[in-house]
Amino acid sequence: MLIEEYLPQSAQDIQEALKDLLVDTMEELLKAELDEHLNYEYGEKPLSLNTRNGSSKKTVISSYENIDLNIPRDREATFAPQALKKYEKDI
């Protein structure tokens, strides 16, 4: 599927595709952690006043160079992701 979508012509193209896959995977993992923290999934009615509040951008270091991730946040700022802890810059 990765090859069909990106049509890589070189090793650099494959590395870019893997970088995109890493970004998508990390962001989905962080969204799932926020769902668990808030005790409801995106699109459902919130069970409390603490709801989603957008995201913030964070640049982290990976084996595929620096990548920008959108880190979801909640209104009460109580969300502490485990996949990429606060202030952690290396994955």
Protein backbone atom coordinates (compact mmCIF):
# COMPACT_ATOMS: atom_id res chain seq x y z
CA MET A 1 0.00 0.00 0.00
CA LEU A 2 2.85 2.37 0.87
CA ILE A 3 4.53 1.74 -2.46
CA GLU A 4 1.27 2.24 -4.41
CA GLU A 5 0.51 5.54 -2.67
CA TYR A 6 3.97 7.13 -2.82
CA LEU A 7 5.45 5.51 -5.94
CA PRO A 8 9.00 5.77 -4.62
CA GLN A 9 11.79 6.18 -7.15
CA SER A 10 14.70 6.25 -4.72
CA ALA A 11 15.71 5.39 -1.18
CA GLN A 12 15.05 9.04 -0.24
CA ASP A 13 11.43 8.70 -1.45
CA ILE A 14 10.99 5.60 0.71
CA GLN A 15 12.42 7.42 3.70
CA GLU A 16 9.96 10.31 3.16
CA ALA A 17 7.07 7.84 2.99
CA LEU A 18 8.17 6.20 6.24
CA LYS A 19 8.49 9.64 7.84
CA ASP A 20 4.90 10.46 6.86
CA LEU A 21 3.76 7.10 8.21
CA LEU A 22 5.52 7.78 11.52
CA VAL A 23 3.85 11.20 11.84
CA ASP A 24 0.39 9.77 11.11
CA THR A 25 0.89 6.88 13.53
CA MET A 26 2.12 9.08 16.38
CA GLU A 27 -0.72 11.58 15.94
CA GLU A 28 -3.35 8.80 15.91
CA LEU A 29 -1.78 7.27 19.02
CA LEU A 30 -1.89 10.62 20.83
CA LYS A 31 -5.54 11.15 19.81
CA ALA A 32 -6.41 7.70 21.15
CA GLU A 33 -4.67 8.54 24.44
CA LEU A 34 -6.74 11.73 24.68
CA ASP A 35 -9.94 9.73 24.00
CA GLU A 36 -9.02 7.46 26.90
CA HIS A 37 -8.15 10.41 29.14
CA LEU A 38 -11.43 12.22 28.44
CA ASN A 39 -13.46 9.00 28.54
CA TYR A 40 -15.21 9.66 25.21
CA GLU A 41 -14.29 9.37 21.56
CA TYR A 42 -14.09 12.19 19.04
CA GLY A 43 -17.58 12.99 17.74
CA GLU A 44 -19.40 11.76 20.84
CA LYS A 45 -21.03 13.97 23.45
CA PRO A 46 -18.56 14.90 26.21
CA LEU A 47 -19.22 13.43 29.65
CA SER A 48 -17.67 16.34 31.53
CA LEU A 49 -16.65 19.96 31.07
CA ASN A 50 -13.11 18.91 30.21
CA THR A 51 -13.22 18.55 26.42
CA ARG A 52 -10.86 18.67 23.48
CA ASN A 53 -9.20 22.02 22.88
CA GLY A 54 -7.40 21.75 19.58
CA SER A 55 -3.74 20.87 19.36
CA SER A 56 -0.31 22.37 19.64
CA LYS A 57 2.63 21.84 17.32
CA LYS A 58 5.74 20.14 18.61
CA THR A 59 8.95 19.41 16.72
CA VAL A 60 10.64 16.18 17.74
CA ILE A 61 13.80 14.42 16.66
CA SER A 62 13.47 11.02 15.00
CA SER A 63 15.63 8.76 12.91
CA TYR A 64 13.95 10.44 9.91
CA GLU A 65 15.18 13.94 10.85
CA ASN A 66 13.00 16.46 12.71
CA ILE A 67 9.27 15.95 12.40
CA ASP A 68 6.37 18.20 13.35
CA LEU A 69 3.55 16.62 15.33
CA ASN A 70 0.17 18.01 16.33
CA ILE A 71 -0.25 17.21 20.02
CA PRO A 72 -3.91 17.21 21.11
CA ARG A 73 -4.84 19.04 24.28
CA ASP A 74 -7.77 19.36 26.64
CA ARG A 75 -9.37 22.43 28.19
CA GLU A 76 -8.16 21.75 31.73
CA ALA A 77 -4.59 20.96 30.60
CA THR A 78 -4.64 17.65 32.49
CA PHE A 79 -3.74 15.48 29.49
CA ALA A 80 -0.26 14.01 29.88
CA PRO A 81 0.49 11.75 26.90
CA GLN A 82 2.54 8.63 27.53
CA ALA A 83 3.63 7.92 23.94
CA LEU A 84 5.43 11.26 23.82
CA LYS A 85 5.74 12.75 27.27
CA LYS A 86 5.66 16.47 27.90
CA TYR A 87 9.03 18.15 27.25
CA GLU A 88 10.33 15.02 25.49
CA LYS A 89 11.98 15.94 22.19
CA ASP A 90 13.33 12.60 20.96
CA ILE A 91 11.38 9.58 19.74
